[in-house]
PDB file of N, CA and C in Angstrom:
ATOM      1  N   MET A   1     -19.112 -85.551 -49.792  1.00  0.00           N
ATOM      2  CA  MET A   1     -18.410 -86.856 -50.387  1.00  0.00           C
ATOM      3  C   MET A   1     -17.052 -86.954 -51.165  1.00  0.00           C
ATOM      4  N   SER A   2     -16.441 -87.304 -51.273  1.00  0.00           N
ATOM      5  CA  SER A   2     -15.067 -87.731 -51.698  1.00  0.00           C
ATOM      6  C   SER A   2     -14.963 -89.238 -52.534  1.00  0.00           C
ATOM      7  N   GLU A   3     -14.592 -88.672 -54.261  1.00  0.00           N
ATOM      8  CA  GLU A   3     -14.262 -90.137 -54.292  1.00  0.00           C
ATOM      9  C   GLU A   3     -12.667 -90.140 -55.688  1.00  0.00           C
ATOM     10  N   LYS A   4     -12.373 -91.324 -55.340  1.00  0.00           N
ATOM     11  CA  LYS A   4     -10.864 -91.515 -56.091  1.00  0.00           C
ATOM     12  C   LYS A   4     -11.411 -91.121 -57.692  1.00  0.00           C
ATOM     13  N   VAL A   5     -10.503 -89.912 -58.420  1.00  0.00           N
ATOM     14  CA  VAL A   5     -10.508 -90.691 -59.844  1.00  0.00           C
ATOM     15  C   VAL A   5      -9.271 -90.643 -60.125  1.00  0.00           C
ATOM     16  N   LEU A   6      -9.666 -92.066 -61.052  1.00  0.00           N
ATOM     17  CA  LEU A   6      -8.541 -92.028 -61.719  1.00  0.00           C
ATOM     18  C   LEU A   6      -8.055 -91.418 -63.244  1.00  0.00           C
ATOM     19  N   LEU A   7      -6.615 -90.952 -63.129  1.00  0.00           N
ATOM     20  CA  LEU A   7      -6.633 -89.794 -64.670  1.00  0.00           C
ATOM     21  C   LEU A   7      -6.058 -91.108 -65.788  1.00  0.00           C
ATOM     22  N   PRO A   8      -6.067 -90.986 -67.106  1.00  0.00           N
ATOM     23  CA  PRO A   8      -4.888 -91.900 -67.392  1.00  0.00           C
ATOM     24  C   PRO A   8      -3.451 -90.396 -67.625  1.00  0.00           C
ATOM     25  N   THR A   9      -2.357 -91.830 -68.509  1.00  0.00           N
ATOM     26  CA  THR A   9      -1.456 -91.139 -68.231  1.00  0.00           C
ATOM     27  C   THR A   9      -1.475 -90.365 -68.318  1.00  0.00           C
ATOM     28  N   GLU A  10      -2.016 -89.986 -69.913  1.00  0.00           N
ATOM     29  CA  GLU A  10      -1.658 -88.803 -71.090  1.00  0.00           C
ATOM     30  C   GLU A  10      -1.571 -87.721 -70.526  1.00  0.00           C
ATOM     31  N   LEU A  11      -2.545 -87.862 -70.018  1.00  0.00           N
ATOM     32  CA  LEU A  11      -3.710 -86.414 -68.968  1.00  0.00           C
ATOM     33  C   LEU A  11      -2.714 -86.154 -67.699  1.00  0.00           C
ATOM     34  N   ILE A  12      -2.744 -87.059 -67.173  1.00  0.00           N
ATOM     35  CA  ILE A  12      -0.975 -86.625 -65.776  1.00  0.00           C
ATOM     36  C   ILE A  12       0.406 -86.374 -67.053  1.00  0.00           C
ATOM     37  N   ASP A  13       0.462 -86.712 -67.265  1.00  0.00           N
ATOM     38  CA  ASP A  13       2.012 -85.691 -68.084  1.00  0.00           C
ATOM     39  C   ASP A  13       1.529 -84.519 -68.711  1.00  0.00           C
ATOM     40  N   VAL A  14       0.436 -84.296 -69.494  1.00  0.00           N
ATOM     41  CA  VAL A  14       0.406 -82.991 -69.977  1.00  0.00           C
ATOM     42  C   VAL A  14       0.743 -81.881 -68.465  1.00  0.00           C
ATOM     43  N   TYR A  15      -0.571 -82.816 -67.557  1.00  0.00           N
ATOM     44  CA  TYR A  15      -0.705 -81.538 -66.426  1.00  0.00           C
ATOM     45  C   TYR A  15       1.107 -81.475 -66.075  1.00  0.00           C
ATOM     46  N   GLU A  16       1.494 -81.940 -65.702  1.00  0.00           N
ATOM     47  CA  GLU A  16       3.061 -82.551 -65.371  1.00  0.00           C
ATOM     48  C   GLU A  16       4.064 -81.210 -66.166  1.00  0.00           C
ATOM     49  N   LYS A  17       3.709 -81.454 -67.118  1.00  0.00           N
ATOM     50  CA  LYS A  17       4.447 -80.430 -68.321  1.00  0.00           C
ATOM     51  C   LYS A  17       3.723 -78.880 -67.602  1.00  0.00           C
ATOM     52  N   LEU A  18       2.394 -78.737 -67.786  1.00  0.00           N
ATOM     53  CA  LEU A  18       2.293 -77.195 -67.906  1.00  0.00           C
ATOM     54  C   LEU A  18       2.308 -76.987 -65.781  1.00  0.00           C
ATOM     55  N   GLY A  19       2.864 -78.248 -64.958  1.00  0.00           N
ATOM     56  CA  GLY A  19       3.009 -77.572 -63.631  1.00  0.00           C
ATOM     57  C   GLY A  19       2.194 -77.088 -62.909  1.00  0.00           C
ATOM     58  N   GLN A  20       1.265 -78.137 -63.104  1.00  0.00           N
ATOM     59  CA  GLN A  20      -0.059 -77.716 -62.845  1.00  0.00           C
ATOM     60  C   GLN A  20      -0.151 -78.646 -62.073  1.00  0.00           C
ATOM     61  N   GLU A  21      -1.853 -78.989 -60.911  1.00  0.00           N
ATOM     62  CA  GLU A  21      -1.950 -80.485 -60.096  1.00  0.00           C
ATOM     63  C   GLU A  21      -3.780 -80.011 -60.202  1.00  0.00           C
ATOM     64  N   PRO A  22      -3.614 -81.600 -61.334  1.00  0.00           N
ATOM     65  CA  PRO A  22      -5.225 -81.756 -61.155  1.00  0.00           C
ATOM     66  C   PRO A  22      -6.066 -80.825 -60.250  1.00  0.00           C
ATOM     67  N   MET A  23      -5.766 -80.933 -59.051  1.00  0.00           N
ATOM     68  CA  MET A  23      -6.753 -80.663 -58.223  1.00  0.00           C
ATOM     69  C   MET A  23      -7.486 -79.085 -58.761  1.00  0.00           C
ATOM     70  N   THR A  24      -6.099 -78.151 -58.874  1.00  0.00           N
ATOM     71  CA  THR A  24      -6.144 -77.241 -59.050  1.00  0.00           C
ATOM     72  C   THR A  24      -7.034 -77.194 -60.415  1.00  0.00           C
ATOM     73  N   ILE A  25      -6.550 -77.678 -61.570  1.00  0.00           N
ATOM     74  CA  ILE A  25      -7.142 -77.208 -62.673  1.00  0.00           C
ATOM     75  C   ILE A  25      -8.062 -77.013 -62.188  1.00  0.00           C
ATOM     76  N   LEU A  26      -9.055 -79.098 -61.554  1.00  0.00           N
ATOM     77  CA  LEU A  26     -10.998 -78.867 -61.545  1.00  0.00           C
ATOM     78  C   LEU A  26     -10.801 -77.500 -61.107  1.00  0.00           C
ATOM     79  N   LYS A  27     -10.209 -77.419 -59.787  1.00  0.00           N
ATOM     80  CA  LYS A  27     -11.404 -76.467 -59.241  1.00  0.00           C
ATOM     81  C   LYS A  27     -11.254 -74.935 -60.052  1.00  0.00           C
ATOM     82  N   ASN A  28      -9.924 -75.057 -60.184  1.00  0.00           N
ATOM     83  CA  ASN A  28     -10.569 -73.166 -61.352  1.00  0.00           C
ATOM     84  C   ASN A  28     -11.463 -73.406 -62.592  1.00  0.00           C
ATOM     85  N   TYR A  29     -11.653 -74.921 -62.720  1.00  0.00           N
ATOM     86  CA  TYR A  29     -12.890 -74.981 -63.735  1.00  0.00           C
ATOM     87  C   TYR A  29     -13.876 -74.157 -63.079  1.00  0.00           C
ATOM     88  N   ALA A  30     -14.169 -75.461 -61.712  1.00  0.00           N
ATOM     89  CA  ALA A  30     -15.395 -75.244 -61.454  1.00  0.00           C
ATOM     90  C   ALA A  30     -15.680 -73.734 -60.976  1.00  0.00           C
ATOM     91  N   LEU A  31     -14.668 -73.265 -60.294  1.00  0.00           N
ATOM     92  CA  LEU A  31     -14.291 -71.765 -60.655  1.00  0.00           C
ATOM     93  C   LEU A  31     -15.215 -70.900 -61.713  1.00  0.00           C
ATOM     94  N   ASP A  32     -14.970 -71.095 -63.202  1.00  0.00           N
ATOM     95  CA  ASP A  32     -15.164 -70.536 -64.101  1.00  0.00           C
ATOM     96  C   ASP A  32     -16.106 -70.602 -64.460  1.00  0.00           C
ATOM     97  N   MET A  33     -17.201 -71.886 -64.257  1.00  0.00           N
ATOM     98  CA  MET A  33     -17.681 -72.564 -64.952  1.00  0.00           C
ATOM     99  C   MET A  33     -19.426 -70.931 -63.545  1.00  0.00           C
ATOM    100  N   VAL A  34     -19.200 -71.500 -62.362  1.00  0.00           N
ATOM    101  CA  VAL A  34     -19.813 -70.671 -61.240  1.00  0.00           C
ATOM    102  C   VAL A  34     -19.776 -69.208 -61.360  1.00  0.00           C
ATOM    103  N   MET A  35     -18.597 -68.552 -61.411  1.00  0.00           N
ATOM    104  CA  MET A  35     -18.398 -66.856 -62.248  1.00  0.00           C
ATOM    105  C   MET A  35     -19.486 -66.963 -63.746  1.00  0.00           C
ATOM    106  N   ALA A  36     -19.216 -67.831 -64.369  1.00  0.00           N
ATOM    107  CA  ALA A  36     -20.359 -68.331 -65.915  1.00  0.00           C
ATOM    108  C   ALA A  36     -21.821 -67.765 -65.415  1.00  0.00           C
ATOM    109  N   LYS A  37     -21.906 -68.388 -64.361  1.00  0.00           N
ATOM    110  CA  LYS A  37     -23.463 -68.574 -63.826  1.00  0.00           C
ATOM    111  C   LYS A  37     -24.045 -67.531 -63.426  1.00  0.00           C
ATOM    112  N   ILE A  38     -23.147 -67.431 -62.606  1.00  0.00           N
ATOM    113  CA  ILE A  38     -23.500 -65.234 -61.675  1.00  0.00           C
ATOM    114  C   ILE A  38     -23.068 -64.886 -62.115  1.00  0.00           C
ATOM    115  N   GLN A  39     -22.523 -64.217 -63.750  1.00  0.00           N
ATOM    116  CA  GLN A  39     -22.470 -63.562 -64.753  1.00  0.00           C
ATOM    117  C   GLN A  39     -24.393 -63.609 -65.019  1.00  0.00           C
ATOM    118  N   LYS A  40     -24.771 -65.057 -65.865  1.00  0.00           N
ATOM    119  CA  LYS A  40     -25.536 -65.099 -66.811  1.00  0.00           C
ATOM    120  C   LYS A  40     -27.130 -64.592 -65.325  1.00  0.00           C
ATOM    121  N   TYR A  41     -27.285 -64.199 -64.317  1.00  0.00           N
ATOM    122  CA  TYR A  41     -28.582 -63.952 -63.357  1.00  0.00           C
ATOM    123  C   TYR A  41     -28.438 -62.691 -63.135  1.00  0.00           C
ATOM    124  N   GLU A  42     -27.312 -62.837 -62.920  1.00  0.00           N
ATOM    125  CA  GLU A  42     -26.745 -60.562 -62.185  1.00  0.00           C
ATOM    126  C   GLU A  42     -27.154 -60.354 -64.318  1.00  0.00           C
ATOM    127  N   ALA A  43     -26.857 -60.588 -65.454  1.00  0.00           N
ATOM    128  CA  ALA A  43     -27.211 -59.959 -66.021  1.00  0.00           C
ATOM    129  C   ALA A  43     -29.772 -60.087 -66.701  1.00  0.00           C
ATOM    130  N   GLU A  44     -28.887 -60.923 -66.380  1.00  0.00           N
ATOM    131  CA  GLU A  44     -31.057 -61.156 -66.142  1.00  0.00           C
ATOM    132  C   GLU A  44     -31.623 -60.230 -65.030  1.00  0.00           C
ATOM    133  N   SER A  45     -30.614 -60.142 -64.460  1.00  0.00           N
ATOM    134  CA  SER A  45     -31.490 -59.343 -63.057  1.00  0.00           C
ATOM    135  C   SER A  45     -31.649 -57.919 -63.537  1.00  0.00           C
ATOM    136  N   LYS A  46     -30.314 -57.416 -64.051  1.00  0.00           N
ATOM    137  CA  LYS A  46     -29.960 -55.890 -64.206  1.00  0.00           C
ATOM    138  C   LYS A  46     -30.699 -55.338 -65.653  1.00  0.00           C
ATOM    139  N   LYS A  47     -31.044 -56.642 -66.568  1.00  0.00           N
ATOM    140  CA  LYS A  47     -31.920 -56.235 -67.656  1.00  0.00           C
ATOM    141  C   LYS A  47     -33.618 -56.137 -66.888  1.00  0.00           C
ATOM    142  N   PHE A  48     -34.347 -56.776 -65.810  1.00  0.00           N
ATOM    143  CA  PHE A  48     -35.091 -57.030 -65.406  1.00  0.00           C
ATOM    144  C   PHE A  48     -35.554 -55.050 -64.080  1.00  0.00           C
ATOM    145  N   ALA A  49     -34.464 -55.050 -63.947  1.00  0.00           N
ATOM    146  CA  ALA A  49     -34.132 -53.670 -62.840  1.00  0.00           C
ATOM    147  C   ALA A  49     -34.335 -52.685 -63.798  1.00  0.00           C
ATOM    148  N   LYS A  50     -34.062 -52.738 -65.016  1.00  0.00           N
ATOM    149  CA  LYS A  50     -33.313 -51.314 -66.366  1.00  0.00           C
ATOM    150  C   LYS A  50     -34.846 -51.429 -66.730  1.00  0.00           C
ATOM    151  N   GLN A  51     -35.339 -52.469 -67.462  1.00  0.00           N
ATOM    152  CA  GLN A  51     -36.901 -52.474 -68.137  1.00  0.00           C
ATOM    153  C   GLN A  51     -37.794 -51.745 -67.165  1.00  0.00           C
ATOM    154  N   TYR A  52     -37.892 -52.286 -65.456  1.00  0.00           N
ATOM    155  CA  TYR A  52     -39.180 -52.003 -64.813  1.00  0.00           C
ATOM    156  C   TYR A  52     -38.458 -50.345 -63.767  1.00  0.00           C
ATOM    157  N   GLN A  53     -36.676 -49.846 -63.854  1.00  0.00           N
ATOM    158  CA  GLN A  53     -36.528 -48.926 -63.326  1.00  0.00           C
ATOM    159  C   GLN A  53     -36.824 -49.404 -62.087  1.00  0.00           C
ATOM    160  N   THR A  54     -36.846 -50.394 -60.758  1.00  0.00           N
ATOM    161  CA  THR A  54     -37.033 -50.499 -59.625  1.00  0.00           C
ATOM    162  C   THR A  54     -35.909 -52.291 -59.553  1.00  0.00           C
ATOM    163  N   THR A  55     -36.108 -52.118 -57.615  1.00  0.00           N
ATOM    164  CA  THR A  55     -35.327 -52.809 -57.426  1.00  0.00           C
ATOM    165  C   THR A  55     -36.387 -54.634 -57.890  1.00  0.00           C
ATOM    166  N   PHE A  56     -36.182 -55.445 -57.005  1.00  0.00           N
ATOM    167  CA  PHE A  56     -36.893 -56.329 -57.290  1.00  0.00           C
ATOM    168  C   PHE A  56     -37.582 -57.140 -56.757  1.00  0.00           C
ATOM    169  N   TYR A  57     -37.222 -56.009 -54.758  1.00  0.00           N
ATOM    170  CA  TYR A  57     -38.171 -56.374 -54.661  1.00  0.00           C
ATOM    171  C   TYR A  57     -38.895 -55.322 -54.537  1.00  0.00           C
ATOM    172  N   ARG A  58     -38.911 -53.955 -54.813  1.00  0.00           N
ATOM    173  CA  ARG A  58     -40.165 -53.004 -54.692  1.00  0.00           C
ATOM    174  C   ARG A  58     -41.025 -53.789 -55.952  1.00  0.00           C
ATOM    175  N   PHE A  59     -40.416 -54.091 -57.108  1.00  0.00           N
ATOM    176  CA  PHE A  59     -41.239 -54.934 -57.660  1.00  0.00           C
ATOM    177  C   PHE A  59     -42.398 -55.832 -57.755  1.00  0.00           C
ATOM    178  N   LYS A  60     -41.285 -56.877 -56.673  1.00  0.00           N
ATOM    179  CA  LYS A  60     -42.388 -58.341 -56.329  1.00  0.00           C
ATOM    180  C   LYS A  60     -42.995 -56.935 -55.446  1.00  0.00           C
ATOM    181  N   LYS A  61     -43.489 -56.557 -54.157  1.00  0.00           N
ATOM    182  CA  LYS A  61     -44.275 -55.779 -53.829  1.00  0.00           C
ATOM    183  C   LYS A  61     -45.692 -54.429 -54.348  1.00  0.00           C
ATOM    184  N   LYS A  62     -44.788 -54.163 -55.366  1.00  0.00           N
ATOM    185  CA  LYS A  62     -46.063 -53.605 -56.043  1.00  0.00           C
ATOM    186  C   LYS A  62     -46.729 -54.499 -56.716  1.00  0.00           C
ATOM    187  N   VAL A  63     -46.213 -55.272 -57.210  1.00  0.00           N
ATOM    188  CA  VAL A  63     -46.836 -56.992 -58.701  1.00  0.00           C
ATOM    189  C   VAL A  63     -47.447 -57.628 -57.593  1.00  0.00           C
ATOM    190  N   GLU A  64     -47.486 -57.609 -55.968  1.00  0.00           N
ATOM    191  CA  GLU A  64     -48.365 -58.513 -55.127  1.00  0.00           C
ATOM    192  C   GLU A  64     -49.329 -57.809 -54.452  1.00  0.00           C
ATOM    193  N   SER A  65     -49.330 -55.815 -55.035  1.00  0.00           N
ATOM    194  CA  SER A  65     -49.983 -55.365 -54.081  1.00  0.00           C
ATOM    195  C   SER A  65     -51.140 -54.918 -54.950  1.00  0.00           C
ATOM    196  N   MET A  66     -51.423 -55.105 -56.781  1.00  0.00           N
ATOM    197  CA  MET A  66     -52.584 -55.553 -57.006  1.00  0.00           C
ATOM    198  C   MET A  66     -53.193 -56.595 -57.318  1.00  0.00           C
ATOM    199  N   ARG A  67     -54.792 -56.157 -56.128  1.00  0.00           N
ATOM    200  CA  ARG A  67     -54.834 -56.917 -55.828  1.00  0.00           C
ATOM    201  C   ARG A  67     -55.883 -57.505 -56.786  1.00  0.00           C
ATOM    202  N   GLU A  68     -56.494 -56.551 -57.208  1.00  0.00           N
ATOM    203  CA  GLU A  68     -58.031 -56.304 -58.234  1.00  0.00           C
ATOM    204  C   GLU A  68     -57.727 -55.989 -59.885  1.00  0.00           C
ATOM    205  N   THR A  69     -56.440 -55.989 -60.037  1.00  0.00           N
ATOM    206  CA  THR A  69     -55.753 -56.142 -61.382  1.00  0.00           C
ATOM    207  C   THR A  69     -55.118 -57.093 -62.025  1.00  0.00           C
ATOM    208  N   GLU A  70     -54.633 -57.458 -62.433  1.00  0.00           N
ATOM    209  CA  GLU A  70     -53.777 -58.982 -62.713  1.00  0.00           C
ATOM    210  C   GLU A  70     -53.126 -58.586 -64.070  1.00  0.00           C
ATOM    211  N   ASN A  71     -52.110 -58.819 -64.186  1.00  0.00           N
ATOM    212  CA  ASN A  71     -51.102 -58.299 -65.013  1.00  0.00           C
ATOM    213  C   ASN A  71     -50.129 -59.216 -65.705  1.00  0.00           C
ATOM    214  N   PHE A  72     -50.470 -59.843 -66.668  1.00  0.00           N
ATOM    215  CA  PHE A  72     -49.344 -61.386 -66.793  1.00  0.00           C
ATOM    216  C   PHE A  72     -48.490 -61.127 -67.016  1.00  0.00           C
ATOM    217  N   ARG A  73     -47.951 -60.316 -67.449  1.00  0.00           N
ATOM    218  CA  ARG A  73     -46.283 -59.457 -67.728  1.00  0.00           C
ATOM    219  C   ARG A  73     -45.425 -59.509 -66.790  1.00  0.00           C
ATOM    220  N   TRP A  74     -45.763 -58.662 -66.079  1.00  0.00           N
ATOM    221  CA  TRP A  74     -45.460 -58.488 -64.675  1.00  0.00           C
ATOM    222  C   TRP A  74     -45.123 -59.588 -63.965  1.00  0.00           C
ATOM    223  N   ASP A  75     -46.477 -60.724 -63.236  1.00  0.00           N
ATOM    224  CA  ASP A  75     -46.521 -61.275 -63.285  1.00  0.00           C
ATOM    225  C   ASP A  75     -45.597 -61.979 -63.338  1.00  0.00           C
ATOM    226  N   GLU A  76     -45.517 -63.100 -64.614  1.00  0.00           N
ATOM    227  CA  GLU A  76     -44.499 -63.720 -65.137  1.00  0.00           C
ATOM    228  C   GLU A  76     -43.057 -62.993 -65.355  1.00  0.00           C
ATOM    229  N   ASP A  77     -42.780 -62.081 -65.342  1.00  0.00           N
ATOM    230  CA  ASP A  77     -41.351 -61.241 -65.026  1.00  0.00           C
ATOM    231  C   ASP A  77     -40.936 -61.203 -63.268  1.00  0.00           C
ATOM    232  N   LEU A  78     -42.150 -61.217 -62.565  1.00  0.00           N
ATOM    233  CA  LEU A  78     -41.914 -61.359 -61.626  1.00  0.00           C
ATOM    234  C   LEU A  78     -40.985 -62.844 -61.322  1.00  0.00           C
ATOM    235  N   LEU A  79     -42.313 -63.826 -61.775  1.00  0.00           N
ATOM    236  CA  LEU A  79     -41.592 -65.201 -61.411  1.00  0.00           C
ATOM    237  C   LEU A  79     -39.474 -65.407 -62.141  1.00  0.00           C
ATOM    238  N   ASP A  80     -40.174 -64.745 -63.136  1.00  0.00           N
ATOM    239  CA  ASP A  80     -37.867 -64.885 -63.905  1.00  0.00           C
ATOM    240  C   ASP A  80     -37.431 -64.317 -63.530  1.00  0.00           C
ATOM    241  N   TRP A  81     -37.667 -63.241 -62.281  1.00  0.00           N
ATOM    242  CA  TRP A  81     -36.792 -62.601 -61.997  1.00  0.00           C
ATOM    243  C   TRP A  81     -36.428 -63.123 -60.558  1.00  0.00           C
ATOM    244  N   GLN A  82     -37.209 -63.460 -60.230  1.00  0.00           N
ATOM    245  CA  GLN A  82     -37.511 -63.749 -58.343  1.00  0.00           C
ATOM    246  C   GLN A  82     -35.933 -65.347 -59.052  1.00  0.00           C
ATOM    247  N   PHE A  83     -36.578 -65.962 -59.527  1.00  0.00           N
ATOM    248  CA  PHE A  83     -35.566 -67.042 -60.312  1.00  0.00           C
ATOM    249  C   PHE A  83     -33.988 -66.626 -61.070  1.00  0.00           C
ATOM    250  N   ALA A  84     -34.376 -66.156 -61.248  1.00  0.00           N
ATOM    251  CA  ALA A  84     -33.006 -65.241 -61.469  1.00  0.00           C
ATOM    252  C   ALA A  84     -31.980 -64.435 -58.769  1.00  0.00           C
ATOM    253  N   GLU A  85     -32.922 -63.746 -58.863  1.00  0.00           N
ATOM    254  CA  GLU A  85     -32.097 -63.643 -57.655  1.00  0.00           C
ATOM    255  C   GLU A  85     -31.828 -64.547 -56.615  1.00  0.00           C
ATOM    256  N   GLU A  86     -32.596 -65.603 -57.224  1.00  0.00           N
ATOM    257  CA  GLU A  86     -32.383 -67.156 -56.465  1.00  0.00           C
ATOM    258  C   GLU A  86     -31.236 -67.882 -56.005  1.00  0.00           C
ATOM    259  N   ASN A  87     -31.978 -67.872 -58.165  1.00  0.00           N
ATOM    260  CA  ASN A  87     -29.827 -68.691 -58.988  1.00  0.00           C
ATOM    261  C   ASN A  87     -29.042 -67.676 -58.195  1.00  0.00           C
ATOM    262  N   LEU A  88     -29.376 -66.105 -58.309  1.00  0.00           N
ATOM    263  CA  LEU A  88     -28.280 -65.314 -58.135  1.00  0.00           C
ATOM    264  C   LEU A  88     -27.108 -65.460 -56.425  1.00  0.00           C
ATOM    265  N   LYS A  89     -27.943 -65.874 -55.846  1.00  0.00           N
ATOM    266  CA  LYS A  89     -28.296 -65.910 -54.503  1.00  0.00           C
ATOM    267  C   LYS A  89     -26.583 -67.538 -54.175  1.00  0.00           C
ATOM    268  N   PHE A  90     -27.989 -68.010 -54.483  1.00  0.00           N
ATOM    269  CA  PHE A  90     -27.284 -69.141 -54.324  1.00  0.00           C
ATOM    270  C   PHE A  90     -26.057 -69.227 -55.036  1.00  0.00           C
ATOM    271  N   TRP A  91     -25.741 -69.394 -55.986  1.00  0.00           N
ATOM    272  CA  TRP A  91     -24.509 -69.346 -57.272  1.00  0.00           C
ATOM    273  C   TRP A  91     -22.978 -68.468 -56.057  1.00  0.00           C
ATOM    274  N   LYS A  92     -23.768 -67.407 -55.791  1.00  0.00           N
ATOM    275  CA  LYS A  92     -22.649 -66.805 -55.101  1.00  0.00           C
ATOM    276  C   LYS A  92     -22.194 -67.542 -53.736  1.00  0.00           C
ATOM    277  N   GLN A  93     -22.791 -68.382 -53.182  1.00  0.00           N
ATOM    278  CA  GLN A  93     -22.885 -68.982 -51.798  1.00  0.00           C
ATOM    279  C   GLN A  93     -22.151 -70.214 -52.615  1.00  0.00           C
ATOM    280  N   VAL A  94     -22.139 -70.519 -53.597  1.00  0.00           N
ATOM    281  CA  VAL A  94     -21.298 -72.269 -54.389  1.00  0.00           C
ATOM    282  C   VAL A  94     -20.149 -70.675 -54.120  1.00  0.00           C
ATOM    283  N   LEU A  95     -19.682 -69.901 -54.555  1.00  0.00           N
ATOM    284  CA  LEU A  95     -19.678 -69.679 -55.266  1.00  0.00           C
ATOM    285  C   LEU A  95     -17.476 -68.898 -54.214  1.00  0.00           C
ATOM    286  N   LYS A  96     -18.836 -68.323 -52.793  1.00  0.00           N
ATOM    287  CA  LYS A  96     -17.331 -68.510 -51.305  1.00  0.00           C
ATOM    288  C   LYS A  96     -17.197 -69.942 -50.651  1.00  0.00           C
ATOM    289  N   ASN A  97     -18.195 -70.934 -51.663  1.00  0.00           N
ATOM    290  CA  ASN A  97     -17.356 -71.826 -50.792  1.00  0.00           C
ATOM    291  C   ASN A  97     -16.693 -72.752 -51.338  1.00  0.00           C
ATOM    292  N   LEU A  98     -16.794 -73.176 -52.758  1.00  0.00           N
ATOM    293  CA  LEU A  98     -15.252 -72.698 -53.927  1.00  0.00           C
ATOM    294  C   LEU A  98     -13.761 -72.424 -53.720  1.00  0.00           C
ATOM    295  N   LYS A  99     -14.285 -70.830 -52.680  1.00  0.00           N
ATOM    296  CA  LYS A  99     -13.210 -69.924 -52.628  1.00  0.00           C
ATOM    297  C   LYS A  99     -12.517 -71.190 -51.401  1.00  0.00           C
ATOM    298  N   ARG A 100     -12.547 -70.793 -50.287  1.00  0.00           N
ATOM    299  CA  ARG A 100     -13.004 -72.118 -48.523  1.00  0.00           C
ATOM    300  C   ARG A 100     -12.176 -73.293 -48.924  1.00  0.00           C
ATOM    301  N   ALA A 101     -12.919 -73.899 -50.382  1.00  0.00           N
ATOM    302  CA  ALA A 101     -12.016 -75.380 -50.504  1.00  0.00           C
ATOM    303  C   ALA A 101      -9.643 -75.758 -50.718  1.00  0.00           C
TER     304      ALA A 101
END
């Protein structure tokens, strides 16, 4: 989807004084926001890895193999860790696509 955006003259003047193209500024802003998301989900994933002294996939396998016992804390942490891992993967792909744009 491509859409034209009209910028106020004052803002265009500032960009010209800065020697920056509006699209470059928008792309850099998007890159910063995406990197912040990646850092957030990396930190969350590392927190769980440190807490459980294992990788996400090993922890998932361990939790799923516990058929006769339930550990609600582990179940909850698994869901949170999985959410972090999925979002990390998603935002890394967005970053890759954005860098190509």
